[in-house]
């Protein structure tokens, strides 16, 4: 509970699932996590390797909800990709 928080809200914007998918086709059914993530996918998305952020293209790294630890931990994918790029 955050006392006074409601008074700080200036505006609100919502989208239904179809609008989210139309905005970004990767949001299957409006899911910002890129679809279902089961236990196997937690460790093999986008591929099974020790550092899944590096690509075969030198200097190109990926970070999104499709890379560990997944979309449920916002920002951590980018953190890990940046660490991989800088080490």
Protein backbone atom coordinates (compact mmCIF):
# COMPACT_ATOMS: atom_id res chain seq x y z
CA UNK A 1 0.00 0.00 0.00
CA UNK A 2 1.29 3.43 -0.94
CA UNK A 3 -0.55 6.29 0.74
CA UNK A 4 -1.13 9.21 -1.64
CA UNK A 5 -0.11 7.27 -4.75
CA UNK A 6 -3.56 7.53 -6.36
CA UNK A 7 -3.29 11.33 -6.19
CA UNK A 8 -0.02 11.23 -8.17
CA UNK A 9 -1.57 9.54 -11.22
CA UNK A 10 -2.10 12.13 -13.96
CA UNK A 11 -3.44 9.88 -16.72
CA UNK A 12 -4.03 6.26 -17.61
CA UNK A 13 -3.87 4.43 -20.95
CA UNK A 14 -4.87 0.83 -21.48
CA UNK A 15 -4.82 -1.54 -24.48
CA UNK A 16 -6.60 -4.81 -24.98
CA UNK A 17 -4.72 -7.92 -26.09
CA UNK A 18 -5.55 -7.56 -29.80
CA UNK A 19 -4.21 -4.00 -29.83
CA UNK A 20 -0.99 -5.11 -28.15
CA UNK A 21 -0.49 -7.86 -30.75
CA UNK A 22 -1.25 -5.38 -33.57
CA UNK A 23 1.30 -2.97 -32.07
CA UNK A 24 3.98 -5.68 -31.92
CA UNK A 25 3.42 -9.09 -33.56
CA UNK A 26 5.83 -10.64 -31.03
CA UNK A 27 3.24 -9.99 -28.33
CA UNK A 28 1.33 -13.19 -29.12
CA UNK A 29 -2.20 -12.69 -27.83
CA UNK A 30 -1.02 -9.48 -26.15
CA UNK A 31 1.56 -11.32 -24.03
CA UNK A 32 4.55 -9.00 -23.45
CA UNK A 33 6.65 -11.99 -22.41
CA UNK A 34 6.75 -13.37 -25.95
CA UNK A 35 4.49 -16.34 -25.33
CA UNK A 36 4.59 -19.20 -22.88
CA UNK A 37 7.79 -19.79 -20.95
CA UNK A 38 8.05 -23.26 -19.54
CA UNK A 39 10.95 -24.65 -17.52
CA UNK A 40 12.82 -25.85 -20.62
CA UNK A 41 12.53 -22.44 -22.29
CA UNK A 42 13.90 -20.65 -19.24
CA UNK A 43 17.29 -22.17 -20.06
CA UNK A 44 17.14 -22.60 -23.84
CA UNK A 45 15.68 -19.31 -25.08
CA UNK A 46 16.72 -18.29 -27.67
CA UNK A 47 19.20 -21.19 -27.83
CA UNK A 48 21.03 -23.52 -25.47
CA UNK A 49 24.44 -22.00 -24.80
CA UNK A 50 26.38 -20.63 -21.87
CA UNK A 51 26.03 -16.95 -22.88
CA UNK A 52 22.77 -16.75 -24.87
CA UNK A 53 23.10 -12.98 -25.44
CA UNK A 54 25.98 -13.13 -27.94
CA UNK A 55 25.15 -13.85 -31.58
CA UNK A 56 27.35 -15.28 -34.35
CA UNK A 57 27.84 -11.66 -35.52
CA UNK A 58 30.79 -10.15 -33.69
CA UNK A 59 29.69 -7.31 -31.42
CA UNK A 60 25.94 -8.01 -31.79
CA UNK A 61 24.13 -8.99 -28.61
CA UNK A 62 20.45 -9.58 -27.99
CA UNK A 63 18.32 -8.84 -24.98
CA UNK A 64 14.58 -9.21 -24.71
CA UNK A 65 11.98 -11.27 -22.93
CA UNK A 66 13.21 -14.13 -25.14
CA UNK A 67 16.55 -14.22 -23.33
CA UNK A 68 17.14 -15.34 -19.74
CA UNK A 69 15.80 -14.67 -17.19
CA UNK A 70 12.74 -13.93 -19.32
CA UNK A 71 10.13 -11.22 -19.45
CA UNK A 72 9.01 -11.55 -15.86
CA UNK A 73 12.14 -9.79 -14.63
CA UNK A 74 12.07 -6.49 -16.53
CA UNK A 75 15.47 -4.99 -17.27
CA UNK A 76 17.59 -7.95 -16.17
CA UNK A 77 17.90 -9.31 -19.73
CA UNK A 78 19.52 -6.02 -20.80
CA UNK A 79 21.77 -6.02 -17.76
CA UNK A 80 23.09 -9.50 -18.56
CA UNK A 81 23.51 -8.69 -22.27
CA UNK A 82 25.48 -5.54 -21.38
CA UNK A 83 27.70 -7.51 -19.01
CA UNK A 84 28.34 -10.08 -21.74
CA UNK A 85 29.20 -7.31 -24.22
CA UNK A 86 31.54 -5.51 -21.82
CA UNK A 87 33.52 -8.53 -20.63
